[in-house]
């Protein structure tokens, strides 16, 4: 259908902290050395939106080397506060951490952001996407992607039920742009595989 509206959200490539399974929120790490690969993607958009953190900017440039990349801090990962840089094993005995794992919407990292705060800024960024374009592309982080999928999935889902590995691409489809702008659940979600080909 001509009126179909699509949102494609992509997770950035991995960083050193990601490999160590650390909570990397606002820490501005670069991606690992994956610059010797090219990515086979089925689209060639003119514009891509991304978090202003380095790992997303670098990933967007690799995914879409010919696109204009527009940075927006509202697409950032959660600020993990005192848990930044720590791992599950380092935190698992801490009561506030266990409470957050059990109920991420009712609890938050000390000196960090709640999921509600991330959700508010993320939704505002989505609302501010230019009207009239029926397909937007966003390179962001695992947390914001979980929020998007939880909020807009055709069926109600749990925040932690989504697995968002690096290289993952999710495409959400609405009947039209109006449905998206009104915050309605999408009609379908699909995971789109991408592959990397070495260039050397």
Foldseek 3Di string as FASTA:
>chain_A
DVQKFKEKEAEFAAFPLVVVQADAFPPQTAHPPPVQKAKDDPDADQEAEEAPRRRQVVRCCRPHVNHHYHHDNLQTGWFQAPRGSHHCVVPVVPPLVVVCVVPQQVGGHVVIDGLVVSLVSLVVVVLPDDPDDRYHHYYGHDQSVLSVCCQAAPDHDDSVPDDRDHQKMKMFMAPHVVCVNVSYHTPDMDIDHMDIDGND
